[in-house]
Amino acid sequence: MPADPDVPSAPADTLRALGAQLLVRGWLSANNVVFAGGGETGAAVVDSGYVTHGTQTLALLEHALAGQPLARLYNTHLHSDHCGGNAALLRRWPQARLAVPAGYAPHVQPWDAQGLGFHAMDQQFEPFEVHGFLRPGDTVRLGRRDWEIHATPGHDPHAVVLFEPSSRTLISGDALWEQRLAIIFPELVGEAGFDEAQRALDLIEGLRPRLVLPGHGDAFTGVPAALAASRRRLEAFRAAPLKHHQYATRALVTYHLLEHRAQPREALQRWIVQTPVLRHAVDAHAGSHAGDALGFARETVDRLVADGVVVEDRGWVRMAG
């Protein structure tokens, strides 16, 4: 498909033409993509950050919207870093309508925190009301453009991405990052996920996006390189699933420490062993080595310390820096 000469190529110019802003957030929150009003559907935001960042998210959106009311809120998927601010935003703008990927319908109407996985990851959440659903094959109006909804299971079975075909801009959630591959959560609980993640990457390649607005990190245009890097990492995990377990455990431990600041080493190791989403990883490691579950937890913390990701001081572990 040739480039549309009427569509600007610089990311900032593309965002301006779309009436969009990318609010790049630090962990624990996912990025927010904000669309100012002006269209008939009003102002909108995609993804809402983590629950403990709710006050910060509200302040950022108040500034980005410059006094306009929020009319619509969408989630690419219902992991806590992407939907944790939903309840706070709906309290601030009670007229706003929230839509989430359709695959979550059985878990949000009625509300089912267990089914949504918040308990399994031992992460905070606040229940929220859902008003509609994002169905693959449909479109959603953001600003003055229609964005296509595409299913991208892998990281999460129900995740979607949003694609604007004129500018070839992709809101990728966690289906594609520039530097890393997101955890394939189904594989952590003994279900298939690698093939689904591969199909999601194939779908994104077929869309041929020029600009990606990821769930984490800055906007980027080097899409072929990002896809190639994600495929290499995915194939490495497929060849050695235990490496994916280790990668996921490290990432979730890091997220846990970012939220809780510091923990005694023994408490952190117990958290690794007892957190449900890590149970399969712990059991798989213990079953394939001479060690045990607690040994896997100790090894995980040891490696994080050795790599300089965390520091240990008098029995307490905290993030480095």
C-alpha atoms as a PDB file:
ATOM      1  CA  MET A   1       0.000   0.000   0.000  1.00  0.00           C
ATOM      2  CA  PRO A   2       1.594   3.336  -1.012  1.00  0.00           C
ATOM      3  CA  ALA A   3       1.908   6.108   1.546  1.00  0.00           C
ATOM      4  CA  ASP A   4      -0.993   8.551   1.617  1.00  0.00           C
ATOM      5  CA  PRO A   5       0.519  11.929   0.618  1.00  0.00           C
ATOM      6  CA  ASP A   6      -2.118  13.725   2.683  1.00  0.00           C
ATOM      7  CA  VAL A   7      -1.063  11.981   5.907  1.00  0.00           C
ATOM      8  CA  PRO A   8       1.944  13.507   7.739  1.00  0.00           C
ATOM      9  CA  SER A   9       4.817  11.112   8.432  1.00  0.00           C
ATOM     10  CA  ALA A  10       6.337  12.660  11.583  1.00  0.00           C
ATOM     11  CA  PRO A  11       4.788  11.142  14.735  1.00  0.00           C
ATOM     12  CA  ALA A  12       3.988  14.518  16.287  1.00  0.00           C
ATOM     13  CA  ASP A  13       2.338  15.690  13.064  1.00  0.00           C
ATOM     14  CA  THR A  14       0.348  12.472  12.768  1.00  0.00           C
ATOM     15  CA  LEU A  15      -0.915  12.769  16.338  1.00  0.00           C
ATOM     16  CA  ARG A  16      -1.843  16.397  15.732  1.00  0.00           C
ATOM     17  CA  ALA A  17      -3.771  15.471  12.576  1.00  0.00           C
ATOM     18  CA  LEU A  18      -5.610  12.744  14.509  1.00  0.00           C
ATOM     19  CA  GLY A  19      -6.433  15.116  17.375  1.00  0.00           C
ATOM     20  CA  ALA A  20      -4.593  12.715  19.684  1.00  0.00           C
ATOM     21  CA  GLN A  21      -2.081  12.949  22.514  1.00  0.00           C
ATOM     22  CA  LEU A  22       0.019  10.075  23.834  1.00  0.00           C
ATOM     23  CA  LEU A  23       0.588  10.404  27.575  1.00  0.00           C
ATOM     24  CA  VAL A  24       3.654   8.242  28.220  1.00  0.00           C
ATOM     25  CA  ARG A  25       3.392   6.897  31.751  1.00  0.00           C
ATOM     26  CA  GLY A  26       5.937   5.306  34.022  1.00  0.00           C
ATOM     27  CA  TRP A  27       5.297   1.973  35.678  1.00  0.00           C
ATOM     28  CA  LEU A  28       2.896   1.050  37.318  1.00  0.00           C
ATOM     29  CA  SER A  29       0.589   2.624  34.710  1.00  0.00           C
ATOM     30  CA  ALA A  30       0.080   1.978  31.026  1.00  0.00           C
ATOM     31  CA  ASN A  31       0.092   4.893  28.591  1.00  0.00           C
ATOM     32  CA  ASN A  32      -3.063   6.908  27.942  1.00  0.00           C
ATOM     33  CA  VAL A  33      -4.097   7.941  24.416  1.00  0.00           C
ATOM     34  CA  VAL A  34      -6.291  11.037  24.620  1.00  0.00           C
ATOM     35  CA  PHE A  35      -8.552  12.368  21.860  1.00  0.00           C
ATOM     36  CA  ALA A  36      -9.856  15.886  22.228  1.00  0.00           C
ATOM     37  CA  GLY A  37     -13.479  16.698  21.519  1.00  0.00           C
ATOM     38  CA  GLY A  38     -14.571  18.350  18.313  1.00  0.00           C
ATOM     39  CA  GLY A  39     -16.143  15.335  16.730  1.00  0.00           C
ATOM     40  CA  GLU A  40     -19.734  14.392  17.317  1.00  0.00           C
ATOM     41  CA  THR A  41     -18.731  11.719  19.827  1.00  0.00           C
ATOM     42  CA  GLY A  42     -16.736  13.969  22.168  1.00  0.00           C
ATOM     43  CA  ALA A  43     -13.442  13.499  23.964  1.00  0.00           C
ATOM     44  CA  ALA A  44     -12.117  10.007  24.585  1.00  0.00           C
ATOM     45  CA  VAL A  45      -9.238   8.194  26.239  1.00  0.00           C
ATOM     46  CA  VAL A  46      -7.816   4.722  25.633  1.00  0.00           C
ATOM     47  CA  ASP A  47      -6.584   2.988  28.807  1.00  0.00           C
ATOM     48  CA  SER A  48      -6.554   4.524  32.275  1.00  0.00           C
ATOM     49  CA  GLY A  49      -3.457   3.455  34.216  1.00  0.00           C
ATOM     50  CA  TYR A  50      -3.089   1.729  37.581  1.00  0.00           C
ATOM     51  CA  VAL A  51      -5.505   2.291  40.454  1.00  0.00           C
ATOM     52  CA  THR A  52      -2.944   3.851  42.817  1.00  0.00           C
ATOM     53  CA  HIS A  53      -2.054   6.403  40.118  1.00  0.00           C
ATOM     54  CA  GLY A  54      -5.667   7.553  39.850  1.00  0.00           C
ATOM     55  CA  THR A  55      -5.045  11.084  41.148  1.00  0.00           C
ATOM     56  CA  GLN A  56      -2.153  11.552  38.741  1.00  0.00           C
ATOM     57  CA  THR A  57      -4.202  10.179  35.830  1.00  0.00           C
ATOM     58  CA  LEU A  58      -7.040  12.583  36.584  1.00  0.00           C
ATOM     59  CA  ALA A  59      -4.644  15.532  36.701  1.00  0.00           C
ATOM     60  CA  LEU A  60      -3.041  14.547  33.397  1.00  0.00           C
ATOM     61  CA  LEU A  61      -6.410  14.160  31.678  1.00  0.00           C
ATOM     62  CA  GLU A  62      -7.787  17.394  33.091  1.00  0.00           C
ATOM     63  CA  HIS A  63      -4.796  19.166  31.563  1.00  0.00           C
ATOM     64  CA  ALA A  64      -4.959  17.283  28.248  1.00  0.00           C
ATOM     65  CA  LEU A  65      -8.695  17.885  27.836  1.00  0.00           C
ATOM     66  CA  ALA A  66      -8.403  21.583  28.783  1.00  0.00           C
ATOM     67  CA  GLY A  67     -11.825  21.709  30.378  1.00  0.00           C
ATOM     68  CA  GLN A  68     -13.645  19.442  27.933  1.00  0.00           C
ATOM     69  CA  PRO A  69     -15.666  16.648  29.528  1.00  0.00           C
ATOM     70  CA  LEU A  70     -14.589  13.078  28.925  1.00  0.00           C
ATOM     71  CA  ALA A  71     -17.284  11.318  26.902  1.00  0.00           C
ATOM     72  CA  ARG A  72     -15.825   7.870  26.265  1.00  0.00           C
ATOM     73  CA  LEU A  73     -13.281   5.516  27.808  1.00  0.00           C
ATOM     74  CA  TYR A  74     -11.894   2.389  26.160  1.00  0.00           C
ATOM     75  CA  ASN A  75      -9.569  -0.385  27.342  1.00  0.00           C
ATOM     76  CA  THR A  76      -7.338  -2.436  25.067  1.00  0.00           C
ATOM     77  CA  HIS A  77      -7.481  -5.179  27.701  1.00  0.00           C
ATOM     78  CA  LEU A  78      -8.312  -5.516  31.376  1.00  0.00           C
ATOM     79  CA  HIS A  79      -4.941  -5.867  33.041  1.00  0.00           C
ATOM     80  CA  SER A  80      -4.687  -3.693  36.115  1.00  0.00           C
ATOM     81  CA  ASP A  81      -2.187  -1.230  34.619  1.00  0.00           C
ATOM     82  CA  HIS A  82      -4.570  -0.501  31.725  1.00  0.00           C
ATOM     83  CA  CYS A  83      -7.928  -0.330  33.502  1.00  0.00           C
ATOM     84  CA  GLY A  84      -7.127   0.594  37.107  1.00  0.00           C
ATOM     85  CA  GLY A  85      -8.202   4.215  36.666  1.00  0.00           C
ATOM     86  CA  ASN A  86     -11.598   3.384  35.151  1.00  0.00           C
ATOM     87  CA  ALA A  87     -13.608   3.861  38.329  1.00  0.00           C
ATOM     88  CA  ALA A  88     -11.909   7.174  39.174  1.00  0.00           C
ATOM     89  CA  LEU A  89     -12.493   8.566  35.675  1.00  0.00           C
ATOM     90  CA  LEU A  90     -16.140   7.509  35.699  1.00  0.00           C
ATOM     91  CA  ARG A  91     -16.634   9.220  39.055  1.00  0.00           C
ATOM     92  CA  ARG A  92     -15.085  12.414  37.716  1.00  0.00           C
ATOM     93  CA  TRP A  93     -17.063  12.308  34.460  1.00  0.00           C
ATOM     94  CA  PRO A  94     -20.216  10.288  35.283  1.00  0.00           C
ATOM     95  CA  GLN A  95     -21.651  10.902  31.825  1.00  0.00           C
ATOM     96  CA  ALA A  96     -18.721   9.042  30.211  1.00  0.00           C
ATOM     97  CA  ARG A  97     -19.359   5.607  28.724  1.00  0.00           C
ATOM     98  CA  LEU A  98     -16.852   2.762  29.082  1.00  0.00           C
ATOM     99  CA  ALA A  99     -16.351  -0.010  26.519  1.00  0.00           C
ATOM    100  CA  VAL A 100     -14.011  -2.998  26.950  1.00  0.00           C
ATOM    101  CA  PRO A 101     -13.134  -5.931  24.656  1.00  0.00           C
ATOM    102  CA  ALA A 102     -16.154  -8.182  24.172  1.00  0.00           C
ATOM    103  CA  GLY A 103     -14.407 -11.311  25.437  1.00  0.00           C
ATOM    104  CA  TYR A 104     -14.600  -9.952  28.980  1.00  0.00           C
ATOM    105  CA  ALA A 105     -18.401  -9.734  28.980  1.00  0.00           C
ATOM    106  CA  PRO A 106     -18.937 -12.784  31.241  1.00  0.00           C
ATOM    107  CA  HIS A 107     -16.573 -11.284  33.853  1.00  0.00           C
ATOM    108  CA  VAL A 108     -17.846  -7.694  33.977  1.00  0.00           C
ATOM    109  CA  GLN A 109     -21.603  -8.253  33.758  1.00  0.00           C
ATOM    110  CA  PRO A 110     -21.797  -9.240  36.582  1.00  0.00           C
ATOM    111  CA  TRP A 111     -18.452  -8.207  38.046  1.00  0.00           C
ATOM    112  CA  ASP A 112     -16.087 -11.137  38.640  1.00  0.00           C
ATOM    113  CA  ALA A 113     -12.669 -10.079  39.953  1.00  0.00           C
ATOM    114  CA  GLN A 114     -11.557 -13.703  40.160  1.00  0.00           C
ATOM    115  CA  GLY A 115     -12.373 -14.301  36.510  1.00  0.00           C
ATOM    116  CA  LEU A 116     -10.585 -11.089  35.522  1.00  0.00           C
ATOM    117  CA  GLY A 117      -7.403 -12.332  37.188  1.00  0.00           C
ATOM    118  CA  PHE A 118      -6.799  -9.505  39.654  1.00  0.00           C
ATOM    119  CA  HIS A 119      -6.653 -11.912  42.609  1.00  0.00           C
ATOM    120  CA  ALA A 120      -4.357 -14.274  40.715  1.00  0.00           C
ATOM    121  CA  MET A 121      -1.811 -11.484  40.227  1.00  0.00           C
ATOM    122  CA  ASP A 122      -2.297 -10.054  43.730  1.00  0.00           C
ATOM    123  CA  GLN A 123      -2.729  -6.568  42.295  1.00  0.00           C
ATOM    124  CA  GLN A 124      -5.032  -3.809  43.502  1.00  0.00           C
ATOM    125  CA  PHE A 125      -8.215  -2.944  41.611  1.00  0.00           C
ATOM    126  CA  GLU A 126     -11.459  -1.017  41.974  1.00  0.00           C
ATOM    127  CA  PRO A 127     -14.658  -2.386  40.377  1.00  0.00           C
ATOM    128  CA  PHE A 128     -16.131  -0.350  37.534  1.00  0.00           C
ATOM    129  CA  GLU A 129     -19.290  -0.349  35.453  1.00  0.00           C
ATOM    130  CA  VAL A 130     -19.048  -1.325  31.775  1.00  0.00           C
ATOM    131  CA  HIS A 131     -21.469   0.225  29.282  1.00  0.00           C
ATOM    132  CA  GLY A 132     -20.480  -1.449  26.007  1.00  0.00           C
ATOM    133  CA  PHE A 133     -18.051  -3.724  24.218  1.00  0.00           C
ATOM    134  CA  LEU A 134     -15.327  -3.517  21.575  1.00  0.00           C
ATOM    135  CA  ARG A 135     -15.970  -6.233  19.001  1.00  0.00           C
ATOM    136  CA  PRO A 136     -13.325  -7.221  16.436  1.00  0.00           C
ATOM    137  CA  GLY A 137     -14.480  -6.264  12.959  1.00  0.00           C
ATOM    138  CA  ASP A 138     -16.289  -3.156  14.197  1.00  0.00           C
ATOM    139  CA  THR A 139     -14.988   0.404  14.241  1.00  0.00           C
ATOM    140  CA  VAL A 140     -14.935   3.053  16.958  1.00  0.00           C
ATOM    141  CA  ARG A 141     -14.888   6.812  16.411  1.00  0.00           C
ATOM    142  CA  LEU A 142     -11.905   8.577  17.984  1.00  0.00           C
ATOM    143  CA  GLY A 143     -11.606  12.241  17.130  1.00  0.00           C
ATOM    144  CA  ARG A 144     -12.760  12.604  13.527  1.00  0.00           C
ATOM    145  CA  ARG A 145     -11.544   9.201  12.354  1.00  0.00           C
ATOM    146  CA  ASP A 146     -12.931   5.685  12.464  1.00  0.00           C
ATOM    147  CA  TRP A 147     -10.549   3.189  14.073  1.00  0.00           C
ATOM    148  CA  GLU A 148     -10.745  -0.526  13.307  1.00  0.00           C
ATOM    149  CA  ILE A 149     -10.943  -3.017  16.161  1.00  0.00           C
ATOM    150  CA  HIS A 150      -8.748  -6.104  15.770  1.00  0.00           C
ATOM    151  CA  ALA A 151      -8.375  -9.094  18.118  1.00  0.00           C
ATOM    152  CA  THR A 152      -4.800  -9.704  19.306  1.00  0.00           C
ATOM    153  CA  PRO A 153      -4.785 -12.582  21.799  1.00  0.00           C
ATOM    154  CA  GLY A 154      -1.485 -13.816  23.186  1.00  0.00           C
ATOM    155  CA  HIS A 155      -0.548 -11.463  26.000  1.00  0.00           C
ATOM    156  CA  ASP A 156      -4.195 -11.698  27.037  1.00  0.00           C
ATOM    157  CA  PRO A 157      -6.858 -13.853  25.336  1.00  0.00           C
ATOM    158  CA  HIS A 158      -9.341 -10.977  24.927  1.00  0.00           C
ATOM    159  CA  ALA A 159      -7.018  -8.100  24.031  1.00  0.00           C
ATOM    160  CA  VAL A 160      -7.671  -5.823  21.058  1.00  0.00           C
ATOM    161  CA  VAL A 161      -5.743  -3.176  19.149  1.00  0.00           C
ATOM    162  CA  LEU A 162      -7.162  -0.091  17.417  1.00  0.00           C
ATOM    163  CA  PHE A 163      -6.006   0.848  13.903  1.00  0.00           C
ATOM    164  CA  GLU A 164      -6.620   4.034  11.898  1.00  0.00           C
ATOM    165  CA  PRO A 165      -6.099   3.067   8.238  1.00  0.00           C
ATOM    166  CA  SER A 166      -5.599   6.521   6.636  1.00  0.00           C
ATOM    167  CA  SER A 167      -2.620   7.416   8.811  1.00  0.00           C
ATOM    168  CA  ARG A 168      -1.826   3.743   9.490  1.00  0.00           C
ATOM    169  CA  THR A 169      -1.602   4.454  13.218  1.00  0.00           C
ATOM    170  CA  LEU A 170      -1.884   1.563  15.666  1.00  0.00           C
ATOM    171  CA  ILE A 171      -2.834   1.737  19.346  1.00  0.00           C
ATOM    172  CA  SER A 172      -1.177  -1.541  20.233  1.00  0.00           C
ATOM    173  CA  GLY A 173      -1.820  -2.003  23.960  1.00  0.00           C
ATOM    174  CA  ASP A 174       0.636  -4.722  24.946  1.00  0.00           C
ATOM    175  CA  ALA A 175       0.476  -6.635  21.659  1.00  0.00           C
ATOM    176  CA  LEU A 176       3.587  -4.854  20.335  1.00  0.00           C
ATOM    177  CA  TRP A 177       6.292  -2.931  22.167  1.00  0.00           C
ATOM    178  CA  GLU A 178       9.409  -1.463  20.622  1.00  0.00           C
ATOM    179  CA  GLN A 179      12.051  -3.018  22.869  1.00  0.00           C
ATOM    180  CA  ARG A 180      10.523  -6.005  24.654  1.00  0.00           C
ATOM    181  CA  LEU A 181       7.875  -8.695  24.434  1.00  0.00           C
ATOM    182  CA  ALA A 182       5.029  -8.614  26.938  1.00  0.00           C
ATOM    183  CA  ILE A 183       4.388 -11.649  29.130  1.00  0.00           C
ATOM    184  CA  ILE A 184       2.223 -14.305  27.451  1.00  0.00           C
ATOM    185  CA  PHE A 185      -0.086 -14.770  30.417  1.00  0.00           C
ATOM    186  CA  PRO A 186      -2.009 -17.872  29.238  1.00  0.00           C
ATOM    187  CA  GLU A 187       1.279 -19.791  29.197  1.00  0.00           C
ATOM    188  CA  LEU A 188       1.731 -18.977  32.903  1.00  0.00           C
ATOM    189  CA  VAL A 189      -1.428 -20.925  33.776  1.00  0.00           C
ATOM    190  CA  GLY A 190      -0.817 -23.915  31.523  1.00  0.00           C
ATOM    191  CA  GLU A 191      -2.844 -22.717  28.535  1.00  0.00           C
ATOM    192  CA  ALA A 192      -1.748 -22.071  24.949  1.00  0.00           C
ATOM    193  CA  GLY A 193      -0.551 -18.562  24.205  1.00  0.00           C
ATOM    194  CA  PHE A 194       2.566 -18.609  22.028  1.00  0.00           C
ATOM    195  CA  ASP A 195       0.701 -19.440  18.794  1.00  0.00           C
ATOM    196  CA  GLU A 196      -1.888 -16.764  19.537  1.00  0.00           C
ATOM    197  CA  ALA A 197       0.863 -14.204  20.149  1.00  0.00           C
ATOM    198  CA  GLN A 198       2.439 -15.166  16.822  1.00  0.00           C
ATOM    199  CA  ARG A 199      -0.877 -14.638  15.042  1.00  0.00           C
ATOM    200  CA  ALA A 200      -1.227 -11.232  16.701  1.00  0.00           C
ATOM    201  CA  LEU A 201       2.189 -10.216  15.364  1.00  0.00           C
ATOM    202  CA  ASP A 202       1.208 -11.504  11.904  1.00  0.00           C
ATOM    203  CA  LEU A 203      -1.987  -9.458  12.021  1.00  0.00           C
ATOM    204  CA  ILE A 204      -0.075  -6.313  12.968  1.00  0.00           C
ATOM    205  CA  GLU A 205       2.415  -6.931  10.163  1.00  0.00           C
ATOM    206  CA  GLY A 206      -0.500  -7.252   7.732  1.00  0.00           C
ATOM    207  CA  LEU A 207      -1.871  -3.879   8.831  1.00  0.00           C
ATOM    208  CA  ARG A 208       1.510  -2.297   8.009  1.00  0.00           C
ATOM    209  CA  PRO A 209       1.308   0.470  10.622  1.00  0.00           C
ATOM    210  CA  ARG A 210       3.549   3.489  10.158  1.00  0.00           C
ATOM    211  CA  LEU A 211       3.166   4.709  13.733  1.00  0.00           C
ATOM    212  CA  VAL A 212       2.618   2.642  16.877  1.00  0.00           C
ATOM    213  CA  LEU A 213       1.266   4.067  20.141  1.00  0.00           C
ATOM    214  CA  PRO A 214       2.245   1.279  22.572  1.00  0.00           C
ATOM    215  CA  GLY A 215       0.908   0.512  26.011  1.00  0.00           C
ATOM    216  CA  HIS A 216       4.348   1.271  27.467  1.00  0.00           C
ATOM    217  CA  GLY A 217       7.131   3.458  26.130  1.00  0.00           C
ATOM    218  CA  ASP A 218       7.297   6.163  23.489  1.00  0.00           C
ATOM    219  CA  ALA A 219       5.545   6.160  20.131  1.00  0.00           C
ATOM    220  CA  PHE A 220       7.672   4.540  17.438  1.00  0.00           C
ATOM    221  CA  THR A 221       7.865   4.121  13.680  1.00  0.00           C
ATOM    222  CA  GLY A 222      10.413   1.291  13.413  1.00  0.00           C
ATOM    223  CA  VAL A 223       7.682  -1.307  13.147  1.00  0.00           C
ATOM    224  CA  PRO A 224       9.504  -3.986  11.066  1.00  0.00           C
ATOM    225  CA  ALA A 225      12.395  -4.012  13.549  1.00  0.00           C
ATOM    226  CA  ALA A 226      10.024  -4.197  16.530  1.00  0.00           C
ATOM    227  CA  LEU A 227       8.104  -7.082  14.942  1.00  0.00           C
ATOM    228  CA  ALA A 228      11.318  -8.952  14.138  1.00  0.00           C
ATOM    229  CA  ALA A 229      12.597  -8.520  17.700  1.00  0.00           C
ATOM    230  CA  SER A 230       9.287  -9.701  19.167  1.00  0.00           C
ATOM    231  CA  ARG A 231       9.305 -12.769  16.918  1.00  0.00           C
ATOM    232  CA  ARG A 232      12.848 -13.672  17.987  1.00  0.00           C
ATOM    233  CA  ARG A 233      11.921 -13.420  21.654  1.00  0.00           C
ATOM    234  CA  LEU A 234       8.720 -15.382  21.114  1.00  0.00           C
ATOM    235  CA  GLU A 235      10.547 -18.188  19.317  1.00  0.00           C
ATOM    236  CA  ALA A 236      13.144 -18.327  22.102  1.00  0.00           C
ATOM    237  CA  PHE A 237      10.373 -18.706  24.676  1.00  0.00           C
ATOM    238  CA  ARG A 238       8.576 -21.305  22.579  1.00  0.00           C
ATOM    239  CA  ALA A 239      11.805 -23.322  22.381  1.00  0.00           C
ATOM    240  CA  ALA A 240      12.426 -23.032  26.139  1.00  0.00           C
ATOM    241  CA  PRO A 241       9.178 -22.341  28.045  1.00  0.00           C
ATOM    242  CA  LEU A 242      11.027 -22.283  31.370  1.00  0.00           C
ATOM    243  CA  LYS A 243      12.814 -19.144  30.174  1.00  0.00           C
ATOM    244  CA  HIS A 244       9.432 -17.511  29.680  1.00  0.00           C
ATOM    245  CA  HIS A 245       8.455 -18.529  33.222  1.00  0.00           C
ATOM    246  CA  GLN A 246      11.642 -16.933  34.541  1.00  0.00           C
ATOM    247  CA  TYR A 247      11.115 -13.791  32.458  1.00  0.00           C
ATOM    248  CA  ALA A 248       7.517 -13.454  33.650  1.00  0.00           C
ATOM    249  CA  THR A 249       8.442 -14.067  37.283  1.00  0.00           C
ATOM    250  CA  ARG A 250      11.143 -11.381  37.170  1.00  0.00           C
ATOM    251  CA  ALA A 251       8.732  -8.902  35.570  1.00  0.00           C
ATOM    252  CA  LEU A 252       5.937  -9.552  38.069  1.00  0.00           C
ATOM    253  CA  VAL A 253       8.293  -9.397  41.053  1.00  0.00           C
ATOM    254  CA  THR A 254       9.608  -6.073  39.756  1.00  0.00           C
ATOM    255  CA  TYR A 255       6.055  -4.752  39.337  1.00  0.00           C
ATOM    256  CA  HIS A 256       5.214  -5.914  42.862  1.00  0.00           C
ATOM    257  CA  LEU A 257       8.236  -4.089  44.309  1.00  0.00           C
ATOM    258  CA  LEU A 258       7.453  -0.936  42.353  1.00  0.00           C
ATOM    259  CA  GLU A 259       4.060  -0.933  44.035  1.00  0.00           C
ATOM    260  CA  HIS A 260       5.163  -1.893  47.553  1.00  0.00           C
ATOM    261  CA  ARG A 261       8.523  -0.053  47.547  1.00  0.00           C
ATOM    262  CA  ALA A 262      10.388  -2.613  49.665  1.00  0.00           C
ATOM    263  CA  GLN A 263       9.808  -5.967  51.317  1.00  0.00           C
ATOM    264  CA  PRO A 264      11.747  -8.331  53.561  1.00  0.00           C
ATOM    265  CA  ARG A 265      13.444 -10.934  51.372  1.00  0.00           C
ATOM    266  CA  GLU A 266      11.626 -13.805  53.086  1.00  0.00           C
ATOM    267  CA  ALA A 267       8.240 -12.148  52.529  1.00  0.00           C
ATOM    268  CA  LEU A 268       9.065 -11.495  48.878  1.00  0.00           C
ATOM    269  CA  GLN A 269      10.114 -15.112  48.359  1.00  0.00           C
ATOM    270  CA  ARG A 270       6.876 -16.314  49.972  1.00  0.00           C
ATOM    271  CA  TRP A 271       4.966 -13.967  47.640  1.00  0.00           C
ATOM    272  CA  ILE A 272       6.615 -15.597  44.619  1.00  0.00           C
ATOM    273  CA  VAL A 273       5.675 -19.076  45.835  1.00  0.00           C
ATOM    274  CA  GLN A 274       2.119 -18.214  46.888  1.00  0.00           C
ATOM    275  CA  THR A 275       0.903 -15.842  44.142  1.00  0.00           C
ATOM    276  CA  PRO A 276      -1.510 -17.876  41.970  1.00  0.00           C
ATOM    277  CA  VAL A 277      -0.400 -16.574  38.557  1.00  0.00           C
ATOM    278  CA  LEU A 278       3.158 -17.757  39.341  1.00  0.00           C
ATOM    279  CA  ARG A 279       2.154 -21.169  40.668  1.00  0.00           C
ATOM    280  CA  HIS A 280       2.614 -22.926  37.321  1.00  0.00           C
ATOM    281  CA  ALA A 281       6.024 -21.287  36.797  1.00  0.00           C
ATOM    282  CA  VAL A 282       7.151 -22.263  40.303  1.00  0.00           C
ATOM    283  CA  ASP A 283       5.927 -25.850  39.895  1.00  0.00           C
ATOM    284  CA  ALA A 284       7.478 -26.187  36.429  1.00  0.00           C
ATOM    285  CA  HIS A 285      10.843 -25.001  37.723  1.00  0.00           C
ATOM    286  CA  ALA A 286      10.758 -27.216  40.805  1.00  0.00           C
ATOM    287  CA  GLY A 287       9.694 -30.194  38.712  1.00  0.00           C
ATOM    288  CA  SER A 288      12.560 -29.856  36.241  1.00  0.00           C
ATOM    289  CA  HIS A 289      15.362 -29.157  38.703  1.00  0.00           C
ATOM    290  CA  ALA A 290      16.740 -30.710  41.823  1.00  0.00           C
ATOM    291  CA  GLY A 291      15.586 -27.699  43.829  1.00  0.00           C
ATOM    292  CA  ASP A 292      12.185 -26.843  45.225  1.00  0.00           C
ATOM    293  CA  ALA A 293       9.652 -24.015  44.933  1.00  0.00           C
ATOM    294  CA  LEU A 294      11.364 -21.842  47.526  1.00  0.00           C
ATOM    295  CA  GLY A 295      14.664 -22.464  45.770  1.00  0.00           C
ATOM    296  CA  PHE A 296      13.192 -20.993  42.591  1.00  0.00           C
ATOM    297  CA  ALA A 297      12.050 -17.938  44.554  1.00  0.00           C
ATOM    298  CA  ARG A 298      15.495 -17.491  46.131  1.00  0.00           C
ATOM    299  CA  GLU A 299      17.158 -17.859  42.736  1.00  0.00           C
ATOM    300  CA  THR A 300      14.828 -15.254  41.211  1.00  0.00           C
ATOM    301  CA  VAL A 301      15.654 -12.687  43.896  1.00  0.00           C
ATOM    302  CA  ASP A 302      19.370 -13.526  43.728  1.00  0.00           C
ATOM    303  CA  ARG A 303      19.418 -12.878  39.982  1.00  0.00           C
ATOM    304  CA  LEU A 304      17.546  -9.598  40.310  1.00  0.00           C
ATOM    305  CA  VAL A 305      20.120  -8.467  42.890  1.00  0.00           C
ATOM    306  CA  ALA A 306      23.052  -9.655  40.762  1.00  0.00           C
ATOM    307  CA  ASP A 307      21.665  -7.852  37.700  1.00  0.00           C
ATOM    308  CA  GLY A 308      21.271  -4.601  39.643  1.00  0.00           C
ATOM    309  CA  VAL A 309      17.497  -4.490  39.171  1.00  0.00           C
ATOM    310  CA  VAL A 310      16.934  -4.557  42.933  1.00  0.00           C
ATOM    311  CA  VAL A 311      19.141  -4.000  45.955  1.00  0.00           C
ATOM    312  CA  GLU A 312      19.183  -5.877  49.249  1.00  0.00           C
ATOM    313  CA  ASP A 313      19.969  -4.101  52.488  1.00  0.00           C
ATOM    314  CA  ARG A 314      19.835  -5.822  55.877  1.00  0.00           C
ATOM    315  CA  GLY A 315      17.305  -8.367  54.715  1.00  0.00           C
ATOM    316  CA  TRP A 316      15.067  -5.895  52.822  1.00  0.00           C
ATOM    317  CA  VAL A 317      14.738  -5.850  49.035  1.00  0.00           C
ATOM    318  CA  ARG A 318      13.819  -2.735  47.059  1.00  0.00           C
ATOM    319  CA  MET A 319      14.118  -1.414  43.528  1.00  0.00           C
ATOM    320  CA  ALA A 320      17.535  -0.064  42.577  1.00  0.00           C
ATOM    321  CA  GLY A 321      17.914   3.636  41.916  1.00  0.00           C
END
